[in-house]
Protein backbone atom coordinates (compact mmCIF):
# COMPACT_ATOMS: atom_id res chain seq x y z
CA UNK A 1 0.00 0.00 0.00
CA UNK A 2 2.81 2.43 0.88
CA UNK A 3 4.53 1.65 -2.43
CA UNK A 4 1.33 2.60 -4.30
CA UNK A 5 1.04 5.89 -2.41
CA UNK A 6 4.69 6.75 -3.12
CA UNK A 7 4.20 5.86 -6.79
CA UNK A 8 1.11 8.12 -7.01
CA UNK A 9 3.02 11.00 -5.38
CA UNK A 10 5.90 10.55 -7.83
CA UNK A 11 3.55 10.43 -10.82
CA UNK A 12 1.74 13.56 -9.62
CA UNK A 13 5.07 15.34 -9.15
CA UNK A 14 6.29 14.33 -12.61
CA UNK A 15 3.08 15.48 -14.30
CA UNK A 16 3.29 18.88 -12.62
CA UNK A 17 6.90 19.39 -13.60
CA UNK A 18 6.46 18.11 -17.16
CA UNK A 19 4.94 21.40 -18.32
CA UNK A 20 7.54 23.38 -20.18
CA UNK A 21 8.30 26.74 -18.63
CA UNK A 22 8.74 29.76 -20.89
CA UNK A 23 9.73 33.39 -20.34
CA UNK A 24 8.54 36.39 -22.37
CA UNK A 25 11.01 37.67 -24.95
CA UNK A 26 10.88 41.43 -24.49
CA UNK A 27 12.26 42.51 -27.85
CA UNK A 28 9.82 40.30 -29.78
CA UNK A 29 6.65 40.88 -27.70
CA UNK A 30 4.11 43.69 -27.79
CA UNK A 31 1.00 44.87 -26.04
CA UNK A 32 -0.97 47.41 -28.03
CA UNK A 33 -4.11 49.26 -27.06
CA UNK A 34 -6.63 51.39 -28.88
CA UNK A 35 -9.05 53.86 -27.28
CA UNK A 36 -11.19 56.73 -28.54
CA UNK A 37 -10.62 60.27 -27.24
CA UNK A 38 -13.20 62.83 -28.37
CA UNK A 39 -14.06 60.43 -31.18
CA UNK A 40 -10.47 60.09 -32.41
CA UNK A 41 -8.63 56.79 -32.20
CA UNK A 42 -5.56 56.82 -29.94
CA UNK A 43 -3.14 53.92 -30.14
CA UNK A 44 -0.47 53.05 -27.65
CA UNK A 45 1.86 50.33 -26.47
CA UNK A 46 3.41 48.90 -23.33
CA UNK A 47 6.64 46.94 -22.96
CA UNK A 48 8.70 45.56 -20.10
CA UNK A 49 7.29 42.02 -20.15
CA UNK A 50 8.20 39.64 -17.32
CA UNK A 51 6.75 36.49 -15.83
CA UNK A 52 6.39 32.80 -16.46
CA UNK A 53 4.31 30.71 -18.79
CA UNK A 54 3.88 27.02 -18.13
CA UNK A 55 2.28 25.75 -21.29
CA UNK A 56 1.50 22.33 -22.73
CA UNK A 57 -0.84 22.21 -25.74
CA UNK A 58 -1.62 18.58 -24.87
CA UNK A 59 -2.67 19.60 -21.34
CA UNK A 60 -4.06 23.14 -21.50
CA UNK A 61 -5.94 22.74 -18.21
CA UNK A 62 -2.59 22.26 -16.47
CA UNK A 63 -1.11 25.34 -18.14
CA UNK A 64 -0.57 28.63 -16.30
CA UNK A 65 0.18 32.13 -17.57
CA UNK A 66 1.42 34.80 -15.15
CA UNK A 67 2.84 37.81 -16.99
CA UNK A 68 3.40 41.46 -16.07
CA UNK A 69 4.31 44.58 -18.01
CA UNK A 70 5.97 47.77 -16.86
CA UNK A 71 3.25 50.45 -16.52
CA UNK A 72 5.85 53.23 -16.91
CA UNK A 73 6.48 52.15 -20.53
CA UNK A 74 3.12 53.46 -21.77
CA UNK A 75 3.77 55.04 -25.16
CA UNK A 76 1.22 56.86 -27.31
CA UNK A 77 3.79 58.77 -29.40
CA UNK A 78 2.93 61.92 -27.43
CA UNK A 79 5.28 62.56 -24.49
CA UNK A 80 2.92 65.03 -22.75
CA UNK A 81 0.05 62.56 -22.89
CA UNK A 82 2.32 59.71 -21.77
CA UNK A 83 3.46 61.67 -18.70
CA UNK A 84 -0.20 62.41 -17.91
CA UNK A 85 -1.07 58.70 -18.19
CA UNK A 86 1.67 57.82 -15.68
CA UNK A 87 0.12 60.01 -12.97
CA UNK A 88 -2.25 59.02 -10.18
CA UNK A 89 -5.47 59.59 -12.16
CA UNK A 90 -4.47 56.97 -14.70
CA UNK A 91 -1.81 54.29 -14.14
CA UNK A 92 -0.25 55.78 -10.95
CA UNK A 93 3.11 54.20 -11.76
CA UNK A 94 4.72 55.32 -8.48
CA UNK A 95 2.37 53.09 -6.49
CA UNK A 96 1.52 50.54 -9.17
CA UNK A 97 4.57 49.88 -11.35
CA UNK A 98 3.35 46.61 -12.91
CA UNK A 99 0.21 45.50 -14.76
CA UNK A 100 -0.46 41.80 -14.26
CA UNK A 101 -2.36 39.13 -16.18
CA UNK A 102 -2.72 35.75 -14.51
CA UNK A 103 -4.69 32.79 -15.79
CA UNK A 104 -7.10 30.76 -13.67
CA UNK A 105 -7.98 28.39 -16.47
CA UNK A 106 -6.79 27.66 -20.01
CA UNK A 107 -8.99 25.55 -22.26
CA UNK A 108 -8.51 24.26 -25.80
CA UNK A 109 -11.06 25.49 -28.34
CA UNK A 110 -9.57 24.09 -31.54
CA UNK A 111 -6.29 23.40 -33.27
CA UNK A 112 -3.75 25.83 -31.71
CA UNK A 113 -6.61 27.95 -30.30
CA UNK A 114 -7.40 28.36 -26.62
CA UNK A 115 -9.51 30.33 -24.17
CA UNK A 116 -7.83 32.42 -21.46
CA UNK A 117 -9.77 32.88 -18.23
CA UNK A 118 -8.08 34.85 -15.51
CA UNK A 119 -7.46 38.15 -13.80
CA UNK A 120 -6.17 41.43 -15.12
CA UNK A 121 -4.79 43.66 -12.34
CA UNK A 122 -4.23 47.37 -12.88
CA UNK A 123 -3.72 49.85 -10.02
CA UNK A 124 -4.41 47.11 -7.46
CA UNK A 125 -7.84 46.39 -8.94
CA UNK A 126 -8.46 42.95 -10.45
CA UNK A 127 -11.13 42.10 -12.99
CA UNK A 128 -11.93 38.83 -14.70
CA UNK A 129 -10.96 38.68 -18.36
CA UNK A 130 -11.82 35.97 -20.85
CA UNK A 131 -10.58 35.94 -24.41
CA UNK A 132 -9.53 33.58 -27.21
CA UNK A 133 -5.88 33.26 -28.14
CA UNK A 134 -3.63 31.33 -30.49
CA UNK A 135 -0.47 29.49 -29.46
CA UNK A 136 1.82 28.68 -32.36
CA UNK A 137 5.03 26.68 -31.86
CA UNK A 138 8.10 28.79 -32.54
CA UNK A 139 11.45 27.05 -32.23
CA UNK A 140 12.02 26.54 -28.52
CA UNK A 141 8.90 28.47 -27.56
CA UNK A 142 5.53 29.80 -28.62
CA UNK A 143 3.94 32.84 -30.18
CA UNK A 144 0.81 33.72 -28.19
CA UNK A 145 -1.65 36.11 -29.86
CA UNK A 146 -4.95 37.33 -28.51
CA UNK A 147 -7.14 40.36 -28.00
CA UNK A 148 -9.89 41.51 -25.70
CA UNK A 149 -11.87 44.58 -24.71
CA UNK A 150 -11.92 46.04 -21.22
CA UNK A 151 -13.54 48.96 -19.41
CA UNK A 152 -11.01 51.51 -18.15
CA UNK A 153 -13.35 52.67 -15.37
CA UNK A 154 -13.27 49.14 -13.87
CA UNK A 155 -9.66 49.96 -12.94
CA UNK A 156 -10.19 53.62 -11.96
CA UNK A 157 -8.31 54.81 -15.03
CA UNK A 158 -9.05 58.38 -16.04
CA UNK A 159 -12.10 59.15 -13.93
CA UNK A 160 -14.54 61.33 -15.90
CA UNK A 161 -12.10 61.94 -18.73
CA UNK A 162 -13.28 62.52 -22.31
CA UNK A 163 -11.65 59.20 -23.19
CA UNK A 164 -14.06 56.38 -24.07
CA UNK A 165 -14.59 53.69 -21.43
CA UNK A 166 -13.88 50.78 -23.78
CA UNK A 167 -10.28 49.88 -24.56
CA UNK A 168 -9.21 47.29 -27.11
CA UNK A 169 -6.07 45.36 -26.10
CA UNK A 170 -3.96 43.27 -28.51
CA UNK A 171 -1.27 40.95 -27.18
CA UNK A 172 1.53 39.42 -29.23
CA UNK A 173 3.74 37.56 -26.77
CA UNK A 174 6.76 35.53 -27.79
CA UNK A 175 7.92 33.16 -25.06
CA UNK A 176 10.96 30.90 -25.07
CA UNK A 177 12.60 28.42 -22.70
């Protein structure tokens, strides 16, 4: 009986450690956003990716994504606007230097397509996000691509600003061992 218990513990330990662990490749990854301001489209980016991705396309339910970006890297190609976005009313980078996305559940939806269910945390406020993404093998890693829409007011971003509440986010994350 003890041998069976030890064998089960070993098998459970092996299955947990068999997921390949990947790290974001900063130079090859991007997070882009699009929002309307007074009816005009404003695009921007973030960089400074960090975190870990444990991903196995054969076992998506055992996969885990936990990635952050540097909030101070917000870039809309307008330095005055970018400095404004770094202040307390928006990203408050002094008190909240990282934006985090952490999965609770990954499910397969088709060939190389998956569903991300997890939490997005901005300024200490977490909201559930669910969106489809693709995971394409890329040498010793993966290219993860997905997009979703969020409400900026859910994270206390911008208060009663003239900026629209809905933000479109596009993620292109390259991760390697």
